[in-house]
Amino acid sequence: MGNQVSFLPFLLVLFLPLALIFTFLLLFFSSELELVAPPANQEPKFWNYVGLAQGMNYNNLLLSVDTQTAGGGGGTDEELSSINNSNTFYTKGLLSTVLFPDYSEINQNLSGSPAPPPTSLNQTSESIVLYSFQKLVSGTWSLNVSRGLVTDFHASFKLLTVNGIDKHFIEIFNFQNSNGSSITFNQFSNTPINGFADIKIDDELFQSKFPLTIQIFNINTIVLTIKDETVSNIFYNNDLLGITDSFKNFEGDELLIFEEED
């Protein structure tokens, strides 16, 4: 009995250091694995909880935040502008325009008196040479903006004369912001976006890096202004006009709401 009582202090001396070591290791590894809750005065990081504008897919177009800086290099969150409704959004819609030629210029190129407009769409080729018919534009467009930079703009449409003889398929793509320009969207006014783009006609590259201005008016409409003479002549130097059928902010909320009829 006396031997058993004297053996108890020996066990305490043996296991107490082991218990302390185990407790220290548990606290150490739990802090490394972030199993321990952060201090009360430490603010949670915004990006740990909300992946804003990342992974949102609208009609097969990924609305994503570009982690590259304007100069093309990588950057931290502190170096990049913060995401908000004015610099990150996605919108799309329809292009529908009637393009009118400059009749005064046509008449000046003719010898003699001005040529009268055609009386019908069924005219001889000789008459068509002396007169340019109006052209119709019909197609779609989409625009994705992240942190003030255009990450994707695409316009695809048909271009044909009203007599149906001349028809082409046009694609405007690969838009890039002008150097140093950052987009600040204004929901209640005009938002101009200046840059350069490429254009294909009938699936063949026609012109690359031509100057293009995209303007969004009060969310509802879009105007494309081509500032290259060679490209602009194809459209009789007219702007391309369109409407918006969807506009989503950086959180994916639809801002373009149509009132339901009673």
C-alpha atoms as a PDB file:
ATOM      1  CA  MET A   1       0.000   0.000   0.000  1.00  0.00           C
ATOM      2  CA  GLY A   2       2.824   2.369   0.873  1.00  0.00           C
ATOM      3  CA  ASN A   3       4.585   1.561  -2.385  1.00  0.00           C
ATOM      4  CA  GLN A   4       1.502   2.430  -4.431  1.00  0.00           C
ATOM      5  CA  VAL A   5       1.136   5.849  -2.729  1.00  0.00           C
ATOM      6  CA  SER A   6       4.798   6.717  -3.322  1.00  0.00           C
ATOM      7  CA  PHE A   7       4.437   5.770  -7.044  1.00  0.00           C
ATOM      8  CA  LEU A   8       1.740   8.466  -7.688  1.00  0.00           C
ATOM      9  CA  PRO A   9       4.072  11.526  -7.546  1.00  0.00           C
ATOM     10  CA  PHE A  10       6.335   9.814 -10.044  1.00  0.00           C
ATOM     11  CA  LEU A  11       3.438   9.496 -12.526  1.00  0.00           C
ATOM     12  CA  LEU A  12       2.553  13.200 -12.114  1.00  0.00           C
ATOM     13  CA  VAL A  13       6.135  14.231 -12.787  1.00  0.00           C
ATOM     14  CA  LEU A  14       6.207  12.047 -15.925  1.00  0.00           C
ATOM     15  CA  PHE A  15       2.910  13.029 -17.580  1.00  0.00           C
ATOM     16  CA  LEU A  16       2.674  16.741 -16.665  1.00  0.00           C
ATOM     17  CA  PRO A  17       5.465  17.829 -19.099  1.00  0.00           C
ATOM     18  CA  LEU A  18       3.935  15.640 -21.825  1.00  0.00           C
ATOM     19  CA  ALA A  19       0.564  17.332 -21.340  1.00  0.00           C
ATOM     20  CA  LEU A  20       2.141  20.788 -21.571  1.00  0.00           C
ATOM     21  CA  ILE A  21       4.018  19.873 -24.757  1.00  0.00           C
ATOM     22  CA  PHE A  22       0.833  18.464 -26.364  1.00  0.00           C
ATOM     23  CA  THR A  23      -1.112  21.618 -25.487  1.00  0.00           C
ATOM     24  CA  PHE A  24       1.598  23.863 -26.996  1.00  0.00           C
ATOM     25  CA  LEU A  25       1.712  21.861 -30.244  1.00  0.00           C
ATOM     26  CA  LEU A  26      -2.089  21.930 -30.549  1.00  0.00           C
ATOM     27  CA  LEU A  27      -2.200  25.729 -30.198  1.00  0.00           C
ATOM     28  CA  PHE A  28       0.703  26.186 -32.605  1.00  0.00           C
ATOM     29  CA  PHE A  29      -0.716  24.095 -35.468  1.00  0.00           C
ATOM     30  CA  SER A  30      -4.253  25.390 -35.023  1.00  0.00           C
ATOM     31  CA  SER A  31      -3.023  28.971 -35.428  1.00  0.00           C
ATOM     32  CA  GLU A  32      -1.043  28.010 -38.562  1.00  0.00           C
ATOM     33  CA  LEU A  33      -4.114  26.390 -40.111  1.00  0.00           C
ATOM     34  CA  GLU A  34      -6.291  29.406 -39.158  1.00  0.00           C
ATOM     35  CA  LEU A  35      -8.426  27.210 -36.901  1.00  0.00           C
ATOM     36  CA  VAL A  36      -8.260  29.814 -34.174  1.00  0.00           C
ATOM     37  CA  ALA A  37     -10.683  32.698 -34.553  1.00  0.00           C
ATOM     38  CA  PRO A  38      -9.081  36.103 -35.404  1.00  0.00           C
ATOM     39  CA  PRO A  39      -8.938  38.751 -32.698  1.00  0.00           C
ATOM     40  CA  ALA A  40     -12.050  40.835 -32.191  1.00  0.00           C
ATOM     41  CA  ASN A  41     -10.297  44.029 -33.320  1.00  0.00           C
ATOM     42  CA  GLN A  42      -9.155  42.498 -36.634  1.00  0.00           C
ATOM     43  CA  GLU A  43     -11.411  43.364 -39.576  1.00  0.00           C
ATOM     44  CA  PRO A  44     -12.287  40.511 -41.959  1.00  0.00           C
ATOM     45  CA  LYS A  45     -10.831  40.841 -45.444  1.00  0.00           C
ATOM     46  CA  PHE A  46     -13.469  41.768 -48.048  1.00  0.00           C
ATOM     47  CA  TRP A  47     -12.217  39.318 -50.660  1.00  0.00           C
ATOM     48  CA  ASN A  48     -12.398  36.378 -48.225  1.00  0.00           C
ATOM     49  CA  TYR A  49     -16.180  36.562 -48.256  1.00  0.00           C
ATOM     50  CA  VAL A  50     -17.342  38.069 -51.559  1.00  0.00           C
ATOM     51  CA  GLY A  51     -15.995  37.155 -55.008  1.00  0.00           C
ATOM     52  CA  LEU A  52     -17.680  40.147 -56.606  1.00  0.00           C
ATOM     53  CA  ALA A  53     -18.015  40.062 -60.387  1.00  0.00           C
ATOM     54  CA  GLN A  54     -16.079  36.794 -60.528  1.00  0.00           C
ATOM     55  CA  GLY A  55     -17.603  33.692 -62.054  1.00  0.00           C
ATOM     56  CA  MET A  56     -20.839  35.401 -63.115  1.00  0.00           C
ATOM     57  CA  ASN A  57     -21.893  34.061 -66.494  1.00  0.00           C
ATOM     58  CA  TYR A  58     -24.343  35.970 -68.632  1.00  0.00           C
ATOM     59  CA  ASN A  59     -25.212  34.377 -71.950  1.00  0.00           C
ATOM     60  CA  ASN A  60     -21.897  32.525 -72.141  1.00  0.00           C
ATOM     61  CA  LEU A  61     -19.916  35.715 -71.482  1.00  0.00           C
ATOM     62  CA  LEU A  62     -17.856  35.584 -68.313  1.00  0.00           C
ATOM     63  CA  LEU A  63     -18.006  38.747 -66.256  1.00  0.00           C
ATOM     64  CA  SER A  64     -14.692  38.587 -64.439  1.00  0.00           C
ATOM     65  CA  VAL A  65     -12.319  40.866 -62.630  1.00  0.00           C
ATOM     66  CA  ASP A  66      -9.020  41.207 -64.464  1.00  0.00           C
ATOM     67  CA  THR A  67      -6.145  40.758 -62.011  1.00  0.00           C
ATOM     68  CA  GLN A  68      -3.743  42.496 -64.398  1.00  0.00           C
ATOM     69  CA  THR A  69      -2.953  46.175 -64.118  1.00  0.00           C
ATOM     70  CA  ALA A  70      -3.437  48.613 -66.976  1.00  0.00           C
ATOM     71  CA  GLY A  71       0.213  48.201 -67.864  1.00  0.00           C
ATOM     72  CA  GLY A  72      -0.201  44.451 -68.296  1.00  0.00           C
ATOM     73  CA  GLY A  73       1.568  43.315 -65.121  1.00  0.00           C
ATOM     74  CA  GLY A  74       0.131  41.661 -62.073  1.00  0.00           C
ATOM     75  CA  GLY A  75      -0.870  43.687 -59.062  1.00  0.00           C
ATOM     76  CA  THR A  76      -2.252  43.411 -55.586  1.00  0.00           C
ATOM     77  CA  ASP A  77      -5.726  44.480 -54.505  1.00  0.00           C
ATOM     78  CA  GLU A  78      -4.211  47.666 -53.093  1.00  0.00           C
ATOM     79  CA  GLU A  79      -2.714  48.590 -56.487  1.00  0.00           C
ATOM     80  CA  LEU A  80      -5.960  47.994 -58.386  1.00  0.00           C
ATOM     81  CA  SER A  81      -8.989  50.224 -58.175  1.00  0.00           C
ATOM     82  CA  SER A  82     -11.807  48.938 -56.004  1.00  0.00           C
ATOM     83  CA  ILE A  83     -14.829  47.379 -57.700  1.00  0.00           C
ATOM     84  CA  ASN A  84     -18.048  49.360 -57.743  1.00  0.00           C
ATOM     85  CA  ASN A  85     -21.122  50.000 -59.882  1.00  0.00           C
ATOM     86  CA  SER A  86     -19.410  52.715 -61.911  1.00  0.00           C
ATOM     87  CA  ASN A  87     -16.396  50.724 -63.111  1.00  0.00           C
ATOM     88  CA  THR A  88     -17.580  47.105 -63.341  1.00  0.00           C
ATOM     89  CA  PHE A  89     -20.677  46.031 -65.276  1.00  0.00           C
ATOM     90  CA  TYR A  90     -22.021  43.915 -68.141  1.00  0.00           C
ATOM     91  CA  THR A  91     -24.530  45.013 -70.765  1.00  0.00           C
ATOM     92  CA  LYS A  92     -25.850  43.755 -74.094  1.00  0.00           C
ATOM     93  CA  GLY A  93     -28.501  44.549 -76.654  1.00  0.00           C
ATOM     94  CA  LEU A  94     -29.459  44.951 -80.307  1.00  0.00           C
ATOM     95  CA  LEU A  95     -28.064  46.986 -83.192  1.00  0.00           C
ATOM     96  CA  SER A  96     -30.671  48.355 -85.602  1.00  0.00           C
ATOM     97  CA  THR A  97     -29.859  51.292 -87.852  1.00  0.00           C
ATOM     98  CA  VAL A  98     -30.862  52.742 -91.218  1.00  0.00           C
ATOM     99  CA  LEU A  99     -27.782  54.243 -92.867  1.00  0.00           C
ATOM    100  CA  PHE A 100     -28.299  57.138 -95.260  1.00  0.00           C
ATOM    101  CA  PRO A 101     -25.715  58.133 -97.882  1.00  0.00           C
ATOM    102  CA  ASP A 102     -24.590  61.719 -98.308  1.00  0.00           C
ATOM    103  CA  TYR A 103     -26.761  62.684-101.265  1.00  0.00           C
ATOM    104  CA  SER A 104     -25.078  66.046-101.727  1.00  0.00           C
ATOM    105  CA  GLU A 105     -21.714  64.380-102.216  1.00  0.00           C
ATOM    106  CA  ILE A 106     -23.178  61.923-104.689  1.00  0.00           C
ATOM    107  CA  ASN A 107     -24.740  64.714-106.732  1.00  0.00           C
ATOM    108  CA  GLN A 108     -21.505  66.702-106.755  1.00  0.00           C
ATOM    109  CA  ASN A 109     -19.711  63.760-108.337  1.00  0.00           C
ATOM    110  CA  LEU A 110     -22.195  63.602-111.179  1.00  0.00           C
ATOM    111  CA  SER A 111     -21.764  65.676-114.302  1.00  0.00           C
ATOM    112  CA  GLY A 112     -24.803  67.763-115.107  1.00  0.00           C
ATOM    113  CA  SER A 113     -27.956  68.147-113.025  1.00  0.00           C
ATOM    114  CA  PRO A 114     -28.434  66.209-109.771  1.00  0.00           C
ATOM    115  CA  ALA A 115     -29.634  62.654-110.204  1.00  0.00           C
ATOM    116  CA  PRO A 116     -33.125  61.951-108.851  1.00  0.00           C
ATOM    117  CA  PRO A 117     -33.554  59.165-106.295  1.00  0.00           C
ATOM    118  CA  PRO A 118     -34.689  55.786-107.665  1.00  0.00           C
ATOM    119  CA  THR A 119     -38.406  55.363-108.067  1.00  0.00           C
ATOM    120  CA  SER A 120     -38.311  51.681-107.155  1.00  0.00           C
ATOM    121  CA  LEU A 121     -35.964  49.062-105.804  1.00  0.00           C
ATOM    122  CA  ASN A 122     -35.994  47.194-109.120  1.00  0.00           C
ATOM    123  CA  GLN A 123     -33.571  49.259-111.197  1.00  0.00           C
ATOM    124  CA  THR A 124     -30.856  48.564-113.691  1.00  0.00           C
ATOM    125  CA  SER A 125     -27.259  48.247-112.558  1.00  0.00           C
ATOM    126  CA  GLU A 126     -26.489  51.510-114.374  1.00  0.00           C
ATOM    127  CA  SER A 127     -28.972  53.401-112.222  1.00  0.00           C
ATOM    128  CA  ILE A 128     -27.573  51.824-109.063  1.00  0.00           C
ATOM    129  CA  VAL A 129     -24.080  53.043-109.938  1.00  0.00           C
ATOM    130  CA  LEU A 130     -25.399  56.636-109.996  1.00  0.00           C
ATOM    131  CA  TYR A 131     -27.277  56.288-106.746  1.00  0.00           C
ATOM    132  CA  SER A 132     -26.515  54.691-103.388  1.00  0.00           C
ATOM    133  CA  PHE A 133     -29.344  52.954-101.622  1.00  0.00           C
ATOM    134  CA  GLN A 134     -29.810  53.177 -97.891  1.00  0.00           C
ATOM    135  CA  LYS A 135     -28.248  50.358 -95.896  1.00  0.00           C
ATOM    136  CA  LEU A 136     -29.752  48.405 -93.018  1.00  0.00           C
ATOM    137  CA  VAL A 137     -27.893  47.225 -89.918  1.00  0.00           C
ATOM    138  CA  SER A 138     -29.333  44.403 -87.808  1.00  0.00           C
ATOM    139  CA  GLY A 139     -27.508  42.411 -85.147  1.00  0.00           C
ATOM    140  CA  THR A 140     -26.365  42.197 -81.528  1.00  0.00           C
ATOM    141  CA  TRP A 141     -23.697  43.635 -79.251  1.00  0.00           C
ATOM    142  CA  SER A 142     -22.281  42.970 -75.778  1.00  0.00           C
ATOM    143  CA  LEU A 143     -19.932  44.869 -73.479  1.00  0.00           C
ATOM    144  CA  ASN A 144     -18.069  43.702 -70.379  1.00  0.00           C
ATOM    145  CA  VAL A 145     -16.216  46.232 -68.193  1.00  0.00           C
ATOM    146  CA  SER A 146     -14.059  45.379 -65.179  1.00  0.00           C
ATOM    147  CA  ARG A 147     -12.282  47.902 -62.948  1.00  0.00           C
ATOM    148  CA  GLY A 148     -12.749  50.658 -65.547  1.00  0.00           C
ATOM    149  CA  LEU A 149     -11.343  48.651 -68.477  1.00  0.00           C
ATOM    150  CA  VAL A 150     -13.179  46.902 -71.314  1.00  0.00           C
ATOM    151  CA  THR A 151     -12.437  43.199 -71.029  1.00  0.00           C
ATOM    152  CA  ASP A 152     -14.717  42.299 -73.937  1.00  0.00           C
ATOM    153  CA  PHE A 153     -16.743  44.110 -76.592  1.00  0.00           C
ATOM    154  CA  HIS A 154     -18.337  42.285 -79.481  1.00  0.00           C
ATOM    155  CA  ALA A 155     -20.756  43.428 -82.171  1.00  0.00           C
ATOM    156  CA  SER A 156     -22.044  41.072 -84.854  1.00  0.00           C
ATOM    157  CA  PHE A 157     -24.562  42.188 -87.451  1.00  0.00           C
ATOM    158  CA  LYS A 158     -25.760  42.053 -91.051  1.00  0.00           C
ATOM    159  CA  LEU A 159     -25.245  44.978 -93.400  1.00  0.00           C
ATOM    160  CA  LEU A 160     -27.357  45.101 -96.547  1.00  0.00           C
ATOM    161  CA  THR A 161     -28.859  47.593 -98.936  1.00  0.00           C
ATOM    162  CA  VAL A 162     -32.624  48.104 -98.859  1.00  0.00           C
ATOM    163  CA  ASN A 163     -32.911  46.556-102.316  1.00  0.00           C
ATOM    164  CA  GLY A 164     -31.445  43.334-100.920  1.00  0.00           C
ATOM    165  CA  ILE A 165     -28.691  43.058-103.536  1.00  0.00           C
ATOM    166  CA  ASP A 166     -25.603  43.875-101.469  1.00  0.00           C
ATOM    167  CA  LYS A 167     -25.315  41.884 -98.208  1.00  0.00           C
ATOM    168  CA  HIS A 168     -22.387  41.434 -95.815  1.00  0.00           C
ATOM    169  CA  PHE A 169     -21.732  40.041 -92.340  1.00  0.00           C
ATOM    170  CA  ILE A 170     -19.821  42.409 -90.051  1.00  0.00           C
ATOM    171  CA  GLU A 171     -18.006  41.669 -86.798  1.00  0.00           C
ATOM    172  CA  ILE A 172     -16.370  44.264 -84.514  1.00  0.00           C
ATOM    173  CA  PHE A 173     -14.195  42.761 -81.800  1.00  0.00           C
ATOM    174  CA  ASN A 174     -10.932  42.942 -79.837  1.00  0.00           C
ATOM    175  CA  PHE A 175     -11.703  46.355 -78.330  1.00  0.00           C
ATOM    176  CA  GLN A 176      -8.997  47.948 -76.186  1.00  0.00           C
ATOM    177  CA  ASN A 177      -9.204  51.115 -74.114  1.00  0.00           C
ATOM    178  CA  SER A 178      -7.219  54.129 -75.199  1.00  0.00           C
ATOM    179  CA  ASN A 179      -4.016  54.594 -73.202  1.00  0.00           C
ATOM    180  CA  GLY A 180      -4.701  56.022 -69.770  1.00  0.00           C
ATOM    181  CA  SER A 181      -8.484  56.003 -70.163  1.00  0.00           C
ATOM    182  CA  SER A 182     -10.628  54.527 -67.424  1.00  0.00           C
ATOM    183  CA  ILE A 183     -14.393  54.107 -67.626  1.00  0.00           C
ATOM    184  CA  THR A 184     -16.651  55.767 -65.080  1.00  0.00           C
ATOM    185  CA  PHE A 185     -20.229  54.777 -65.794  1.00  0.00           C
ATOM    186  CA  ASN A 186     -22.983  57.332 -65.222  1.00  0.00           C
ATOM    187  CA  GLN A 187     -26.423  55.763 -65.073  1.00  0.00           C
ATOM    188  CA  PHE A 188     -28.212  59.065 -65.693  1.00  0.00           C
ATOM    189  CA  SER A 189     -26.062  60.547 -68.447  1.00  0.00           C
ATOM    190  CA  ASN A 190     -23.747  59.707 -71.336  1.00  0.00           C
ATOM    191  CA  THR A 191     -20.831  57.340 -70.754  1.00  0.00           C
ATOM    192  CA  PRO A 192     -18.189  57.571 -73.531  1.00  0.00           C
ATOM    193  CA  ILE A 193     -15.658  54.768 -73.983  1.00  0.00           C
ATOM    194  CA  ASN A 194     -12.751  55.530 -76.325  1.00  0.00           C
ATOM    195  CA  GLY A 195     -10.477  52.890 -77.768  1.00  0.00           C
ATOM    196  CA  PHE A 196      -9.476  50.775 -80.744  1.00  0.00           C
ATOM    197  CA  ALA A 197     -11.018  47.662 -82.291  1.00  0.00           C
ATOM    198  CA  ASP A 198     -10.751  45.219 -85.204  1.00  0.00           C
ATOM    199  CA  ILE A 199     -13.398  44.639 -87.858  1.00  0.00           C
ATOM    200  CA  LYS A 200     -14.149  41.637 -90.054  1.00  0.00           C
ATOM    201  CA  ILE A 201     -16.272  41.667 -93.200  1.00  0.00           C
ATOM    202  CA  ASP A 202     -17.587  38.297 -94.343  1.00  0.00           C
ATOM    203  CA  ASP A 203     -15.213  36.570 -91.889  1.00  0.00           C
ATOM    204  CA  GLU A 204     -12.119  38.285 -93.290  1.00  0.00           C
ATOM    205  CA  LEU A 205     -10.128  40.900 -91.377  1.00  0.00           C
ATOM    206  CA  PHE A 206     -10.767  44.265 -92.995  1.00  0.00           C
ATOM    207  CA  GLN A 207      -9.092  46.698 -90.600  1.00  0.00           C
ATOM    208  CA  SER A 208      -7.301  46.331 -87.280  1.00  0.00           C
ATOM    209  CA  LYS A 209      -7.002  48.824 -84.424  1.00  0.00           C
ATOM    210  CA  PHE A 210      -9.304  51.439 -85.912  1.00  0.00           C
ATOM    211  CA  PRO A 211     -10.480  54.237 -83.560  1.00  0.00           C
ATOM    212  CA  LEU A 212     -13.913  53.557 -82.079  1.00  0.00           C
ATOM    213  CA  THR A 213     -16.011  55.385 -79.495  1.00  0.00           C
ATOM    214  CA  ILE A 214     -18.747  53.501 -77.620  1.00  0.00           C
ATOM    215  CA  GLN A 215     -21.358  55.681 -75.947  1.00  0.00           C
ATOM    216  CA  ILE A 216     -24.020  54.448 -73.531  1.00  0.00           C
ATOM    217  CA  PHE A 217     -26.939  56.794 -72.903  1.00  0.00           C
ATOM    218  CA  ASN A 218     -28.889  56.381 -69.654  1.00  0.00           C
ATOM    219  CA  ILE A 219     -28.452  52.587 -69.777  1.00  0.00           C
ATOM    220  CA  ASN A 220     -31.051  52.380 -72.571  1.00  0.00           C
ATOM    221  CA  THR A 221     -29.162  53.029 -75.831  1.00  0.00           C
ATOM    222  CA  ILE A 222     -25.739  52.639 -77.419  1.00  0.00           C
ATOM    223  CA  VAL A 223     -23.996  54.621 -80.163  1.00  0.00           C
ATOM    224  CA  LEU A 224     -20.898  53.386 -82.026  1.00  0.00           C
ATOM    225  CA  THR A 225     -18.868  56.132 -83.698  1.00  0.00           C
ATOM    226  CA  ILE A 226     -16.184  54.976 -86.131  1.00  0.00           C
ATOM    227  CA  LYS A 227     -13.314  57.437 -86.503  1.00  0.00           C
ATOM    228  CA  ASP A 228     -11.532  55.797 -89.405  1.00  0.00           C
ATOM    229  CA  GLU A 229     -12.373  57.007 -92.909  1.00  0.00           C
ATOM    230  CA  THR A 230     -11.872  53.651 -94.618  1.00  0.00           C
ATOM    231  CA  VAL A 231     -14.159  51.829 -92.194  1.00  0.00           C
ATOM    232  CA  SER A 232     -16.631  54.679 -91.794  1.00  0.00           C
ATOM    233  CA  ASN A 233     -17.225  54.878 -95.563  1.00  0.00           C
ATOM    234  CA  ILE A 234     -18.725  51.401 -95.455  1.00  0.00           C
ATOM    235  CA  PHE A 235     -21.493  52.805 -93.255  1.00  0.00           C
ATOM    236  CA  TYR A 236     -21.896  56.064 -95.222  1.00  0.00           C
ATOM    237  CA  ASN A 237     -20.095  57.815 -92.315  1.00  0.00           C
ATOM    238  CA  ASN A 238     -23.124  57.165 -90.095  1.00  0.00           C
ATOM    239  CA  ASP A 239     -23.065  56.149 -86.447  1.00  0.00           C
ATOM    240  CA  LEU A 240     -24.318  52.663 -85.576  1.00  0.00           C
ATOM    241  CA  LEU A 241     -27.268  52.825 -83.189  1.00  0.00           C
ATOM    242  CA  GLY A 242     -28.660  50.229 -80.830  1.00  0.00           C
ATOM    243  CA  ILE A 243     -30.726  49.552 -77.756  1.00  0.00           C
ATOM    244  CA  THR A 244     -29.956  47.838 -74.457  1.00  0.00           C
ATOM    245  CA  ASP A 245     -31.956  44.816 -73.342  1.00  0.00           C
ATOM    246  CA  SER A 246     -29.869  43.950 -70.256  1.00  0.00           C
ATOM    247  CA  PHE A 247     -27.591  45.874 -67.891  1.00  0.00           C
ATOM    248  CA  LYS A 248     -26.110  44.181 -64.822  1.00  0.00           C
ATOM    249  CA  ASN A 249     -23.956  45.760 -62.142  1.00  0.00           C
ATOM    250  CA  PHE A 250     -20.909  44.164 -60.509  1.00  0.00           C
ATOM    251  CA  GLU A 251     -23.119  42.136 -58.163  1.00  0.00           C
ATOM    252  CA  GLY A 252     -25.180  40.738 -61.037  1.00  0.00           C
ATOM    253  CA  ASP A 253     -28.282  42.817 -60.295  1.00  0.00           C
ATOM    254  CA  GLU A 254     -30.353  43.732 -63.340  1.00  0.00           C
ATOM    255  CA  LEU A 255     -30.640  47.522 -63.599  1.00  0.00           C
ATOM    256  CA  LEU A 256     -32.721  47.660 -66.762  1.00  0.00           C
ATOM    257  CA  ILE A 257     -36.263  47.000 -65.552  1.00  0.00           C
ATOM    258  CA  PHE A 258     -39.167  47.145 -67.953  1.00  0.00           C
ATOM    259  CA  GLU A 259     -42.525  48.108 -66.515  1.00  0.00           C
ATOM    260  CA  GLU A 260     -45.143  45.417 -66.943  1.00  0.00           C
ATOM    261  CA  GLU A 261     -48.297  46.370 -68.755  1.00  0.00           C
ATOM    262  CA  ASP A 262     -51.566  46.057 -66.875  1.00  0.00           C
END
